[in-house]
């Protein structure tokens, strides 16, 4: 049974969002939420409850600690009988390799923005294209789950900003150039895809965008 909605939630504000130097002391996967991030997650849970009311939910949660903590706060607004969940490693954050300093991180970000976010591979890490591939693989599992007779009325995916952008790119078959226009959603921002009368999902939320340099749009496809 295809769910009524597919709901994407970015994790709340993490300690890495406010202090980049923390990456020298704590692994990316182990970063926790700030107090503000915990509050954001609780508010997201309240908003999610307004969307689904008493409908059932199935959560796919990135295994990184900040996404797991976000999930724990979000479901406080729900009945324990209302949802089920599974940790899903394929929707984890983009791998940033072994960064040794804040300066190195900023340098990679500058190079990535100039080269193109989708194709640039972080040394010892991943490109957005790599994340796209594992998100695509996750789609197979998710669609098989949809076919189960007792599947929930709503799918909720708690993950990361880049992963959300690539999920949407894959789902709506957007081009690389269209992807390059997207910016990450804010912490605990909720993006809703809702099934319409034609049994297809429509994007119901506004997306953040930003301008990219002209060279990203100099090679349109030409069909004879």
N, C-alpha and C. Protein backbone atom coordinates (compact mmCIF):
# COMPACT_ATOMS: atom_id res chain seq x y z
N UNK A 1 0.84 -1.19 0.00
CA UNK A 1 0.00 0.00 0.00
C UNK A 1 0.88 1.24 0.00
N UNK A 2 0.78 2.04 -1.03
CA UNK A 2 1.57 3.26 -1.07
C UNK A 2 1.06 4.22 0.00
N UNK A 3 1.95 4.80 0.78
CA UNK A 3 1.52 5.70 1.85
C UNK A 3 0.91 6.98 1.32
N UNK A 4 0.12 7.63 2.16
CA UNK A 4 -0.49 8.91 1.77
C UNK A 4 0.57 9.98 1.56
N UNK A 5 1.60 9.93 2.39
CA UNK A 5 2.64 10.96 2.35
C UNK A 5 4.01 10.34 2.54
N UNK A 6 4.99 10.99 1.94
CA UNK A 6 6.39 10.74 2.24
C UNK A 6 6.92 12.05 2.84
N UNK A 7 7.39 11.98 4.07
CA UNK A 7 7.76 13.18 4.81
C UNK A 7 9.25 13.11 5.14
N UNK A 8 9.98 14.12 4.71
CA UNK A 8 11.42 14.19 4.92
C UNK A 8 11.73 15.22 5.99
N UNK A 9 12.54 14.84 6.97
CA UNK A 9 12.90 15.74 8.06
C UNK A 9 14.42 15.77 8.21
N UNK A 10 14.99 16.96 8.15
CA UNK A 10 16.42 17.09 8.46
C UNK A 10 16.59 17.11 9.98
N UNK A 11 17.71 16.60 10.45
CA UNK A 11 18.00 16.59 11.89
C UNK A 11 18.03 18.00 12.46
N UNK A 12 17.89 18.10 13.76
CA UNK A 12 17.98 19.39 14.44
C UNK A 12 19.40 19.91 14.47
N UNK A 13 19.53 21.14 14.95
CA UNK A 13 20.86 21.75 15.02
C UNK A 13 21.81 20.87 15.83
N UNK A 14 22.95 20.55 15.23
CA UNK A 14 23.94 19.71 15.92
C UNK A 14 25.09 20.57 16.43
N UNK A 15 25.91 19.99 17.28
CA UNK A 15 27.07 20.71 17.79
C UNK A 15 28.05 21.03 16.67
N UNK A 16 28.04 20.22 15.62
CA UNK A 16 28.89 20.49 14.47
C UNK A 16 28.39 21.66 13.63
N UNK A 17 27.09 21.95 13.70
CA UNK A 17 26.54 23.09 12.98
C UNK A 17 26.99 24.42 13.57
N UNK A 18 27.29 24.43 14.86
CA UNK A 18 27.64 25.69 15.53
C UNK A 18 29.13 25.80 15.85
N UNK A 19 29.85 24.69 15.81
CA UNK A 19 31.27 24.70 16.14
C UNK A 19 32.01 23.71 15.24
N UNK A 20 32.57 24.22 14.15
CA UNK A 20 33.24 23.35 13.19
C UNK A 20 34.50 22.70 13.75
N UNK A 21 35.09 23.30 14.77
CA UNK A 21 36.32 22.73 15.33
C UNK A 21 36.07 21.42 16.07
N UNK A 22 34.81 21.14 16.38
CA UNK A 22 34.49 19.92 17.13
C UNK A 22 34.82 18.66 16.34
N UNK A 23 34.89 18.79 15.00
CA UNK A 23 35.20 17.63 14.17
C UNK A 23 36.61 17.09 14.42
N UNK A 24 37.48 17.92 15.01
CA UNK A 24 38.83 17.47 15.34
C UNK A 24 38.84 16.59 16.58
N UNK A 25 37.74 16.65 17.37
CA UNK A 25 37.70 15.92 18.63
C UNK A 25 36.68 14.78 18.65
N UNK A 26 35.62 14.94 17.85
CA UNK A 26 34.52 13.97 17.88
C UNK A 26 34.20 13.53 16.45
N UNK A 27 34.05 12.24 16.20
CA UNK A 27 33.69 11.78 14.85
C UNK A 27 32.34 12.33 14.41
N UNK A 28 32.20 12.52 13.12
CA UNK A 28 30.97 13.07 12.56
C UNK A 28 29.73 12.31 13.03
N UNK A 29 29.81 10.97 13.01
CA UNK A 29 28.63 10.17 13.36
C UNK A 29 28.19 10.36 14.80
N UNK A 30 29.13 10.78 15.68
CA UNK A 30 28.85 10.86 17.12
C UNK A 30 28.40 12.26 17.57
N UNK A 31 28.29 13.20 16.66
CA UNK A 31 27.87 14.54 17.04
C UNK A 31 26.41 14.51 17.49
N UNK A 32 26.15 15.15 18.60
CA UNK A 32 24.80 15.19 19.16
C UNK A 32 24.13 16.54 18.89
N UNK A 33 22.87 16.65 19.24
CA UNK A 33 22.13 17.89 19.07
C UNK A 33 22.49 18.89 20.16
N UNK A 34 22.40 20.16 19.82
CA UNK A 34 22.47 21.22 20.82
C UNK A 34 21.13 21.29 21.54
N UNK A 35 21.07 22.11 22.59
CA UNK A 35 19.78 22.32 23.27
C UNK A 35 18.75 22.90 22.29
N UNK A 36 19.23 23.80 21.42
CA UNK A 36 18.33 24.35 20.40
C UNK A 36 17.86 23.25 19.46
N UNK A 37 18.77 22.34 19.09
CA UNK A 37 18.41 21.24 18.21
C UNK A 37 17.37 20.32 18.82
N UNK A 38 17.48 20.07 20.12
CA UNK A 38 16.48 19.25 20.82
C UNK A 38 15.11 19.92 20.78
N UNK A 39 15.09 21.24 20.99
CA UNK A 39 13.83 21.98 20.95
C UNK A 39 13.25 21.97 19.54
N UNK A 40 14.10 22.12 18.53
CA UNK A 40 13.64 22.06 17.15
C UNK A 40 12.99 20.72 16.84
N UNK A 41 13.60 19.65 17.34
CA UNK A 41 13.06 18.31 17.08
C UNK A 41 11.71 18.11 17.75
N UNK A 42 11.56 18.62 18.96
CA UNK A 42 10.27 18.54 19.64
C UNK A 42 9.21 19.31 18.87
N UNK A 43 9.56 20.50 18.39
CA UNK A 43 8.61 21.30 17.60
C UNK A 43 8.25 20.60 16.30
N UNK A 44 9.24 19.95 15.69
CA UNK A 44 8.97 19.20 14.47
C UNK A 44 7.99 18.06 14.74
N UNK A 45 8.14 17.42 15.90
CA UNK A 45 7.21 16.36 16.28
C UNK A 45 5.79 16.88 16.43
N UNK A 46 5.65 18.06 17.02
CA UNK A 46 4.32 18.66 17.17
C UNK A 46 3.70 18.97 15.81
N UNK A 47 4.54 19.48 14.89
CA UNK A 47 4.05 19.81 13.56
C UNK A 47 3.69 18.53 12.79
N UNK A 48 4.53 17.51 12.93
CA UNK A 48 4.24 16.23 12.28
C UNK A 48 2.90 15.67 12.77
N UNK A 49 2.65 15.78 14.06
CA UNK A 49 1.40 15.30 14.64
C UNK A 49 0.20 16.02 14.02
N UNK A 50 0.34 17.31 13.75
CA UNK A 50 -0.74 18.06 13.11
C UNK A 50 -1.00 17.56 11.69
N UNK A 51 0.06 17.14 11.01
CA UNK A 51 -0.08 16.66 9.63
C UNK A 51 -0.79 15.31 9.58
N UNK A 52 -0.38 14.38 10.45
CA UNK A 52 -0.86 13.00 10.35
C UNK A 52 -2.01 12.67 11.30
N UNK A 53 -2.20 13.49 12.32
CA UNK A 53 -3.25 13.25 13.32
C UNK A 53 -3.05 11.85 13.94
N UNK A 54 -3.99 10.94 13.74
CA UNK A 54 -3.90 9.61 14.34
C UNK A 54 -3.45 8.54 13.34
N UNK A 55 -3.02 8.95 12.16
CA UNK A 55 -2.59 7.99 11.15
C UNK A 55 -1.28 7.31 11.57
N UNK A 56 -1.04 6.15 11.01
CA UNK A 56 0.17 5.38 11.33
C UNK A 56 1.37 5.90 10.53
N UNK A 57 2.55 5.65 11.09
CA UNK A 57 3.79 6.12 10.46
C UNK A 57 4.86 5.03 10.51
N UNK A 58 5.69 5.03 9.47
CA UNK A 58 6.88 4.19 9.48
C UNK A 58 8.08 5.09 9.25
N UNK A 59 9.04 5.05 10.17
CA UNK A 59 10.22 5.90 10.12
C UNK A 59 11.43 5.14 9.60
N UNK A 60 12.17 5.78 8.69
CA UNK A 60 13.51 5.35 8.32
C UNK A 60 14.45 6.41 8.90
N UNK A 61 15.39 5.98 9.73
CA UNK A 61 16.23 6.93 10.46
C UNK A 61 17.70 6.68 10.15
N UNK A 62 18.40 7.72 9.76
CA UNK A 62 19.85 7.63 9.60
C UNK A 62 20.46 7.22 10.94
N UNK A 63 21.49 6.36 10.94
CA UNK A 63 22.05 5.87 12.20
C UNK A 63 22.96 6.87 12.92
N UNK A 64 23.28 8.02 12.31
CA UNK A 64 24.12 8.98 13.00
C UNK A 64 23.39 9.49 14.24
N UNK A 65 24.15 9.84 15.26
CA UNK A 65 23.54 10.13 16.56
C UNK A 65 22.61 11.34 16.52
N UNK A 66 22.92 12.34 15.71
CA UNK A 66 22.07 13.53 15.66
C UNK A 66 20.71 13.24 15.03
N UNK A 67 20.67 12.29 14.10
CA UNK A 67 19.38 11.92 13.50
C UNK A 67 18.59 11.02 14.45
N UNK A 68 19.31 10.15 15.14
CA UNK A 68 18.62 9.28 16.12
C UNK A 68 18.04 10.12 17.25
N UNK A 69 18.79 11.12 17.71
CA UNK A 69 18.27 12.00 18.77
C UNK A 69 17.07 12.81 18.28
N UNK A 70 17.13 13.23 17.02
CA UNK A 70 15.99 13.94 16.44
C UNK A 70 14.75 13.05 16.43
N UNK A 71 14.93 11.81 16.00
CA UNK A 71 13.82 10.86 16.00
C UNK A 71 13.24 10.68 17.40
N UNK A 72 14.11 10.53 18.40
CA UNK A 72 13.64 10.32 19.77
C UNK A 72 12.77 11.48 20.25
N UNK A 73 13.12 12.69 19.86
CA UNK A 73 12.33 13.85 20.26
C UNK A 73 11.03 13.97 19.45
N UNK A 74 11.13 13.69 18.16
CA UNK A 74 9.95 13.80 17.28
C UNK A 74 8.83 12.88 17.74
N UNK A 75 9.16 11.64 18.09
CA UNK A 75 8.11 10.66 18.40
C UNK A 75 7.49 10.87 19.78
N UNK A 76 8.03 11.80 20.55
CA UNK A 76 7.39 12.11 21.83
C UNK A 76 5.98 12.68 21.64
N UNK A 77 5.72 13.20 20.46
CA UNK A 77 4.39 13.74 20.16
C UNK A 77 3.41 12.68 19.68
N UNK A 78 3.88 11.45 19.51
CA UNK A 78 3.07 10.38 18.94
C UNK A 78 2.81 9.29 19.97
N UNK A 79 1.74 8.55 19.76
CA UNK A 79 1.48 7.35 20.54
C UNK A 79 2.48 6.28 20.14
N UNK A 80 2.95 5.51 21.10
CA UNK A 80 3.92 4.45 20.80
C UNK A 80 3.32 3.37 19.89
N UNK A 81 2.00 3.27 19.88
CA UNK A 81 1.33 2.30 19.02
C UNK A 81 1.13 2.83 17.59
N UNK A 82 1.49 4.11 17.40
CA UNK A 82 1.21 4.78 16.14
C UNK A 82 2.32 4.60 15.11
N UNK A 83 3.51 4.20 15.54
CA UNK A 83 4.65 4.19 14.61
C UNK A 83 5.54 2.96 14.82
N UNK A 84 6.28 2.68 13.76
CA UNK A 84 7.39 1.72 13.78
C UNK A 84 8.57 2.40 13.11
N UNK A 85 9.77 1.85 13.34
CA UNK A 85 10.94 2.49 12.75
C UNK A 85 12.04 1.47 12.49
N UNK A 86 12.97 1.89 11.64
CA UNK A 86 14.16 1.09 11.38
C UNK A 86 15.31 2.07 11.12
N UNK A 87 16.50 1.71 11.58
CA UNK A 87 17.68 2.49 11.21
C UNK A 87 18.12 2.08 9.81
N UNK A 88 18.46 3.08 8.98
CA UNK A 88 18.79 2.82 7.59
C UNK A 88 20.12 3.51 7.24
N UNK A 89 21.24 2.75 7.22
CA UNK A 89 22.55 3.34 6.97
C UNK A 89 22.70 4.01 5.60
N UNK A 90 21.91 3.60 4.63
CA UNK A 90 22.08 4.17 3.29
C UNK A 90 21.63 5.62 3.20
N UNK A 91 20.90 6.12 4.20
CA UNK A 91 20.48 7.52 4.17
C UNK A 91 21.31 8.36 5.14
N UNK A 92 22.52 7.89 5.45
CA UNK A 92 23.42 8.63 6.33
C UNK A 92 23.96 9.88 5.62
N UNK A 93 24.68 10.69 6.37
CA UNK A 93 25.28 11.91 5.83
C UNK A 93 26.35 11.59 4.79
N UNK A 94 26.60 12.53 3.89
CA UNK A 94 27.72 12.41 2.96
C UNK A 94 29.01 12.26 3.75
N UNK A 95 29.86 11.32 3.33
CA UNK A 95 31.13 11.08 4.01
C UNK A 95 32.12 12.19 3.67
N UNK A 96 32.66 12.82 4.72
CA UNK A 96 33.58 13.95 4.55
C UNK A 96 35.03 13.57 4.70
N UNK A 97 35.37 12.29 4.67
CA UNK A 97 36.76 11.88 4.72
C UNK A 97 37.38 12.12 6.09
N UNK A 98 38.68 12.39 6.09
CA UNK A 98 39.42 12.55 7.34
C UNK A 98 39.97 13.98 7.42
N UNK A 99 39.09 14.92 7.70
CA UNK A 99 39.50 16.32 7.77
C UNK A 99 40.34 16.56 9.02
N UNK A 100 41.40 17.29 8.85
CA UNK A 100 42.32 17.52 9.96
C UNK A 100 42.21 18.93 10.54
N UNK A 101 41.54 19.84 9.84
CA UNK A 101 41.45 21.20 10.34
C UNK A 101 40.24 21.90 9.75
N UNK A 102 39.83 22.98 10.41
CA UNK A 102 38.74 23.81 9.90
C UNK A 102 39.12 24.45 8.57
N UNK A 103 40.37 24.84 8.44
CA UNK A 103 40.84 25.46 7.21
C UNK A 103 40.72 24.49 6.03
N UNK A 104 41.05 23.22 6.28
CA UNK A 104 40.95 22.20 5.24
C UNK A 104 39.50 22.01 4.82
N UNK A 105 38.59 22.01 5.77
CA UNK A 105 37.16 21.87 5.48
C UNK A 105 36.67 23.02 4.61
N UNK A 106 37.06 24.24 4.96
CA UNK A 106 36.64 25.41 4.18
C UNK A 106 37.21 25.36 2.77
N UNK A 107 38.44 24.87 2.65
CA UNK A 107 39.05 24.75 1.33
C UNK A 107 38.28 23.77 0.46
N UNK A 108 37.90 22.63 1.02
CA UNK A 108 37.13 21.65 0.26
C UNK A 108 35.77 22.22 -0.15
N UNK A 109 35.13 22.96 0.74
CA UNK A 109 33.84 23.56 0.43
C UNK A 109 33.96 24.56 -0.72
N UNK A 110 35.03 25.35 -0.70
CA UNK A 110 35.26 26.31 -1.78
C UNK A 110 35.50 25.60 -3.10
N UNK A 111 36.34 24.56 -3.07
CA UNK A 111 36.62 23.79 -4.29
C UNK A 111 35.35 23.12 -4.81
N UNK A 112 34.56 22.59 -3.91
CA UNK A 112 33.32 21.91 -4.30
C UNK A 112 32.35 22.87 -4.97
N UNK A 113 32.19 24.06 -4.39
CA UNK A 113 31.27 25.05 -4.96
C UNK A 113 31.72 25.48 -6.35
N UNK A 114 33.04 25.57 -6.55
CA UNK A 114 33.55 25.98 -7.86
C UNK A 114 33.44 24.86 -8.88
N UNK A 115 33.68 23.63 -8.44
CA UNK A 115 33.68 22.48 -9.36
C UNK A 115 32.28 22.00 -9.67
N UNK A 116 31.39 22.06 -8.67
CA UNK A 116 30.04 21.52 -8.80
C UNK A 116 29.78 20.52 -7.69
N UNK A 117 28.74 20.75 -6.90
CA UNK A 117 28.46 19.94 -5.72
C UNK A 117 28.24 18.47 -6.07
N UNK A 118 27.56 18.22 -7.18
CA UNK A 118 27.17 16.84 -7.49
C UNK A 118 28.38 15.97 -7.78
N UNK A 119 29.35 16.49 -8.53
CA UNK A 119 30.45 15.67 -9.01
C UNK A 119 31.69 15.70 -8.13
N UNK A 120 31.85 16.71 -7.30
CA UNK A 120 33.08 16.86 -6.53
C UNK A 120 33.17 15.79 -5.44
N UNK A 121 34.26 15.02 -5.46
CA UNK A 121 34.46 13.99 -4.44
C UNK A 121 35.44 14.51 -3.40
N UNK A 122 35.01 14.50 -2.15
CA UNK A 122 35.85 14.90 -1.04
C UNK A 122 36.95 13.85 -0.87
N UNK A 123 38.21 14.26 -0.75
CA UNK A 123 39.28 13.27 -0.56
C UNK A 123 38.99 12.32 0.61
N UNK A 124 39.10 11.02 0.34
CA UNK A 124 38.79 9.97 1.32
C UNK A 124 37.31 9.95 1.70
N UNK A 125 36.48 10.70 0.96
CA UNK A 125 35.06 10.76 1.27
C UNK A 125 34.21 10.46 0.05
N UNK A 126 33.06 11.11 -0.03
CA UNK A 126 32.10 10.84 -1.10
C UNK A 126 31.78 12.11 -1.89
N UNK A 127 31.36 11.90 -3.10
CA UNK A 127 30.70 12.96 -3.86
C UNK A 127 29.20 12.86 -3.63
N UNK A 128 28.48 13.91 -4.00
CA UNK A 128 27.02 13.82 -3.94
C UNK A 128 26.51 12.72 -4.85
N UNK A 129 27.22 12.47 -5.95
CA UNK A 129 26.83 11.38 -6.86
C UNK A 129 26.89 10.04 -6.16
N UNK A 130 27.86 9.85 -5.27
CA UNK A 130 27.95 8.61 -4.51
C UNK A 130 26.74 8.46 -3.59
N UNK A 131 26.35 9.55 -2.95
CA UNK A 131 25.18 9.51 -2.06
C UNK A 131 23.92 9.23 -2.87
N UNK A 132 23.85 9.82 -4.06
CA UNK A 132 22.72 9.57 -4.97
C UNK A 132 22.58 8.07 -5.24
N UNK A 133 23.71 7.39 -5.45
CA UNK A 133 23.67 5.95 -5.75
C UNK A 133 23.13 5.15 -4.58
N UNK A 134 23.55 5.47 -3.36
CA UNK A 134 23.04 4.67 -2.23
C UNK A 134 21.60 5.04 -1.89
N UNK A 135 21.20 6.29 -2.14
CA UNK A 135 19.80 6.65 -1.98
C UNK A 135 18.95 5.88 -3.00
N UNK A 136 19.46 5.75 -4.22
CA UNK A 136 18.75 4.98 -5.24
C UNK A 136 18.59 3.53 -4.82
N UNK A 137 19.61 2.96 -4.21
CA UNK A 137 19.54 1.59 -3.72
C UNK A 137 18.50 1.47 -2.60
N UNK A 138 18.43 2.48 -1.74
CA UNK A 138 17.44 2.50 -0.66
C UNK A 138 16.02 2.52 -1.22
N UNK A 139 15.82 3.16 -2.36
CA UNK A 139 14.49 3.21 -2.97
C UNK A 139 13.92 1.81 -3.18
N UNK A 140 14.78 0.85 -3.56
CA UNK A 140 14.29 -0.51 -3.79
C UNK A 140 13.69 -1.09 -2.53
N UNK A 141 14.36 -0.92 -1.40
CA UNK A 141 13.83 -1.40 -0.12
C UNK A 141 12.53 -0.70 0.23
N UNK A 142 12.52 0.61 0.05
CA UNK A 142 11.34 1.38 0.42
C UNK A 142 10.13 0.97 -0.42
N UNK A 143 10.32 0.79 -1.71
CA UNK A 143 9.19 0.39 -2.57
C UNK A 143 8.71 -1.02 -2.24
N UNK A 144 9.61 -1.91 -1.86
CA UNK A 144 9.17 -3.24 -1.43
C UNK A 144 8.37 -3.14 -0.14
N UNK A 145 8.77 -2.26 0.74
CA UNK A 145 7.99 -2.04 1.97
C UNK A 145 6.60 -1.51 1.64
N UNK A 146 6.51 -0.63 0.66
CA UNK A 146 5.21 -0.07 0.26
C UNK A 146 4.22 -1.17 -0.14
N UNK A 147 4.73 -2.27 -0.65
CA UNK A 147 3.88 -3.34 -1.15
C UNK A 147 3.28 -4.21 -0.04
N UNK A 148 3.76 -4.03 1.17
CA UNK A 148 3.25 -4.83 2.28
C UNK A 148 1.83 -4.38 2.64
N UNK A 149 0.97 -5.36 2.92
CA UNK A 149 -0.43 -5.06 3.20
C UNK A 149 -0.61 -4.19 4.45
N UNK A 150 0.28 -4.36 5.41
CA UNK A 150 0.14 -3.64 6.68
C UNK A 150 1.06 -2.43 6.79
N UNK A 151 1.52 -1.93 5.63
CA UNK A 151 2.44 -0.79 5.68
C UNK A 151 1.71 0.46 6.18
N UNK A 152 2.45 1.35 6.81
CA UNK A 152 1.87 2.53 7.46
C UNK A 152 1.27 3.50 6.45
N UNK A 153 0.43 4.40 6.97
CA UNK A 153 -0.21 5.41 6.13
C UNK A 153 0.73 6.55 5.76
N UNK A 154 1.83 6.67 6.49
CA UNK A 154 2.81 7.72 6.22
C UNK A 154 4.22 7.17 6.34
N UNK A 155 5.09 7.58 5.43
CA UNK A 155 6.52 7.30 5.52
C UNK A 155 7.21 8.56 6.00
N UNK A 156 8.08 8.41 6.99
CA UNK A 156 8.86 9.54 7.49
C UNK A 156 10.35 9.16 7.43
N UNK A 157 11.15 10.02 6.83
CA UNK A 157 12.58 9.79 6.69
C UNK A 157 13.32 10.90 7.43
N UNK A 158 14.05 10.52 8.47
CA UNK A 158 14.82 11.49 9.24
C UNK A 158 16.29 11.34 8.85
N UNK A 159 16.82 12.36 8.21
CA UNK A 159 18.12 12.23 7.57
C UNK A 159 18.84 13.57 7.56
N UNK A 160 19.62 13.83 6.51
CA UNK A 160 20.53 14.97 6.46
C UNK A 160 20.21 15.85 5.25
N UNK A 161 20.71 17.09 5.29
CA UNK A 161 20.34 18.04 4.25
C UNK A 161 20.69 17.60 2.85
N UNK A 162 21.94 17.18 2.64
CA UNK A 162 22.36 16.74 1.32
C UNK A 162 21.57 15.51 0.88
N UNK A 163 21.33 14.59 1.79
CA UNK A 163 20.59 13.37 1.45
C UNK A 163 19.16 13.70 1.04
N UNK A 164 18.55 14.66 1.69
CA UNK A 164 17.20 15.08 1.31
C UNK A 164 17.20 15.64 -0.11
N UNK A 165 18.16 16.47 -0.43
CA UNK A 165 18.23 17.05 -1.78
C UNK A 165 18.38 15.95 -2.83
N UNK A 166 19.20 14.95 -2.54
CA UNK A 166 19.42 13.87 -3.49
C UNK A 166 18.24 12.92 -3.57
N UNK A 167 17.54 12.73 -2.45
CA UNK A 167 16.30 11.94 -2.47
C UNK A 167 15.30 12.60 -3.42
N UNK A 168 15.13 13.90 -3.31
CA UNK A 168 14.18 14.61 -4.16
C UNK A 168 14.62 14.58 -5.62
N UNK A 169 15.91 14.72 -5.86
CA UNK A 169 16.43 14.64 -7.22
C UNK A 169 16.11 13.28 -7.83
N UNK A 170 16.35 12.23 -7.06
CA UNK A 170 16.09 10.88 -7.56
C UNK A 170 14.60 10.63 -7.74
N UNK A 171 13.80 11.08 -6.80
CA UNK A 171 12.36 10.80 -6.84
C UNK A 171 11.69 11.50 -8.03
N UNK A 172 12.04 12.74 -8.25
CA UNK A 172 11.39 13.53 -9.29
C UNK A 172 12.17 13.55 -10.60
N UNK A 173 13.25 12.78 -10.67
CA UNK A 173 14.05 12.67 -11.89
C UNK A 173 14.58 14.03 -12.33
N UNK A 174 15.04 14.82 -11.38
CA UNK A 174 15.61 16.11 -11.70
C UNK A 174 17.00 15.94 -12.30
N UNK A 175 17.41 16.91 -13.09
CA UNK A 175 18.73 16.89 -13.69
C UNK A 175 19.78 17.35 -12.67
N UNK A 176 21.03 17.14 -13.02
CA UNK A 176 22.12 17.63 -12.17
C UNK A 176 22.02 19.14 -12.01
N UNK A 177 21.70 19.84 -13.11
CA UNK A 177 21.59 21.29 -13.05
C UNK A 177 20.48 21.73 -12.11
N UNK A 178 19.37 21.01 -12.11
CA UNK A 178 18.28 21.34 -11.19
C UNK A 178 18.70 21.08 -9.75
N UNK A 179 19.44 20.00 -9.53
CA UNK A 179 19.95 19.73 -8.19
C UNK A 179 20.86 20.85 -7.71
N UNK A 180 21.70 21.37 -8.60
CA UNK A 180 22.66 22.39 -8.20
C UNK A 180 21.98 23.68 -7.73
N UNK A 181 20.72 23.86 -8.07
CA UNK A 181 19.98 25.05 -7.63
C UNK A 181 19.45 24.92 -6.21
N UNK A 182 19.42 23.69 -5.68
CA UNK A 182 18.83 23.46 -4.37
C UNK A 182 19.82 23.74 -3.26
N UNK A 183 19.33 24.32 -2.17
CA UNK A 183 20.12 24.48 -0.96
C UNK A 183 19.58 23.51 0.08
N UNK A 184 20.39 23.23 1.08
CA UNK A 184 19.94 22.34 2.14
C UNK A 184 18.74 22.92 2.87
N UNK A 185 17.78 22.09 3.26
CA UNK A 185 16.71 22.58 4.14
C UNK A 185 17.28 22.97 5.49
N UNK A 186 16.56 23.77 6.24
CA UNK A 186 17.00 24.16 7.57
C UNK A 186 16.90 23.00 8.55
N UNK A 187 17.51 23.17 9.69
CA UNK A 187 17.45 22.12 10.72
C UNK A 187 16.01 21.87 11.14
N UNK A 188 15.61 20.61 11.08
CA UNK A 188 14.26 20.14 11.42
C UNK A 188 13.18 20.70 10.49
N UNK A 189 13.59 21.19 9.34
CA UNK A 189 12.60 21.58 8.33
C UNK A 189 11.91 20.32 7.81
N UNK A 190 10.62 20.40 7.58
CA UNK A 190 9.83 19.27 7.13
C UNK A 190 9.40 19.48 5.68
N UNK A 191 9.66 18.50 4.86
CA UNK A 191 9.28 18.54 3.44
C UNK A 191 8.30 17.41 3.18
N UNK A 192 7.16 17.75 2.61
CA UNK A 192 6.07 16.80 2.45
C UNK A 192 5.82 16.50 0.97
N UNK A 193 5.79 15.21 0.64
CA UNK A 193 5.32 14.72 -0.65
C UNK A 193 3.99 14.03 -0.38
N UNK A 194 2.95 14.42 -1.10
CA UNK A 194 1.61 13.89 -0.82
C UNK A 194 1.03 13.23 -2.06
N UNK A 195 0.44 12.07 -1.84
CA UNK A 195 -0.15 11.31 -2.95
C UNK A 195 -1.42 12.00 -3.43
N UNK A 196 -1.49 12.23 -4.73
CA UNK A 196 -2.62 12.92 -5.33
C UNK A 196 -3.63 11.91 -5.86
N UNK A 197 -4.70 12.40 -6.47
CA UNK A 197 -5.76 11.53 -6.98
C UNK A 197 -5.27 10.61 -8.09
N UNK A 198 -4.19 10.99 -8.77
CA UNK A 198 -3.63 10.15 -9.83
C UNK A 198 -2.61 9.15 -9.31
N UNK A 199 -2.52 9.04 -7.97
CA UNK A 199 -1.64 8.08 -7.30
C UNK A 199 -0.16 8.42 -7.45
N UNK A 200 0.11 9.68 -7.80
CA UNK A 200 1.48 10.15 -7.88
C UNK A 200 1.73 11.17 -6.77
N UNK A 201 2.99 11.30 -6.39
CA UNK A 201 3.31 12.20 -5.28
C UNK A 201 3.65 13.59 -5.79
N UNK A 202 3.08 14.57 -5.12
CA UNK A 202 3.32 15.97 -5.44
C UNK A 202 4.07 16.63 -4.29
N UNK A 203 4.99 17.48 -4.64
CA UNK A 203 5.75 18.21 -3.63
C UNK A 203 4.88 19.33 -3.07
N UNK A 204 4.64 19.30 -1.77
CA UNK A 204 3.75 20.26 -1.13
C UNK A 204 4.51 21.35 -0.37
N UNK A 205 5.81 21.25 -0.33
CA UNK A 205 6.61 22.20 0.45
C UNK A 205 7.49 23.04 -0.47
N UNK A 206 7.77 24.26 -0.06
CA UNK A 206 8.71 25.10 -0.78
C UNK A 206 10.14 24.67 -0.45
N UNK A 207 11.01 24.74 -1.43
CA UNK A 207 12.40 24.35 -1.25
C UNK A 207 13.31 25.57 -1.28
N UNK A 208 14.34 25.51 -0.49
CA UNK A 208 15.33 26.58 -0.50
C UNK A 208 16.20 26.46 -1.75
N UNK A 209 16.47 27.58 -2.36
CA UNK A 209 17.30 27.58 -3.57
C UNK A 209 18.34 28.69 -3.49
N UNK A 210 19.37 28.56 -4.31
CA UNK A 210 20.34 29.62 -4.43
C UNK A 210 20.89 29.62 -5.84
N UNK A 211 21.45 30.76 -6.24
CA UNK A 211 21.96 30.90 -7.61
C UNK A 211 23.31 30.21 -7.74
N UNK A 212 23.51 29.57 -8.87
CA UNK A 212 24.81 28.96 -9.16
C UNK A 212 25.47 29.70 -10.32
N UNK A 213 26.79 29.61 -10.46
CA UNK A 213 27.48 30.26 -11.58
C UNK A 213 26.94 29.79 -12.92
N UNK A 214 27.06 30.65 -13.92
CA UNK A 214 26.49 30.35 -15.24
C UNK A 214 27.06 29.10 -15.87
N UNK A 215 28.32 28.72 -15.52
CA UNK A 215 28.93 27.59 -16.21
C UNK A 215 28.22 26.28 -15.92
N UNK A 216 27.35 26.24 -14.90
CA UNK A 216 26.59 25.02 -14.64
C UNK A 216 25.47 24.81 -15.66
N UNK A 217 25.21 25.82 -16.49
CA UNK A 217 24.06 25.75 -17.40
C UNK A 217 24.46 26.00 -18.84
N UNK A 218 25.70 25.68 -19.18
CA UNK A 218 26.19 25.95 -20.52
C UNK A 218 26.15 24.73 -21.44
N UNK A 219 25.60 23.64 -20.98
CA UNK A 219 25.60 22.42 -21.80
C UNK A 219 24.23 21.75 -21.76
N UNK A 220 23.21 22.41 -22.33
CA UNK A 220 21.89 21.77 -22.38
C UNK A 220 21.90 20.57 -23.34
N UNK A 221 21.01 19.63 -23.09
CA UNK A 221 20.87 18.48 -24.00
C UNK A 221 20.20 18.93 -25.29
N UNK A 222 20.77 18.51 -26.40
CA UNK A 222 20.19 18.85 -27.70
C UNK A 222 19.73 17.57 -28.39
N UNK A 223 18.49 17.55 -28.77
CA UNK A 223 17.93 16.37 -29.45
C UNK A 223 17.62 16.72 -30.90
N UNK A 224 18.10 15.91 -31.84
CA UNK A 224 17.84 16.15 -33.27
C UNK A 224 16.44 15.70 -33.65
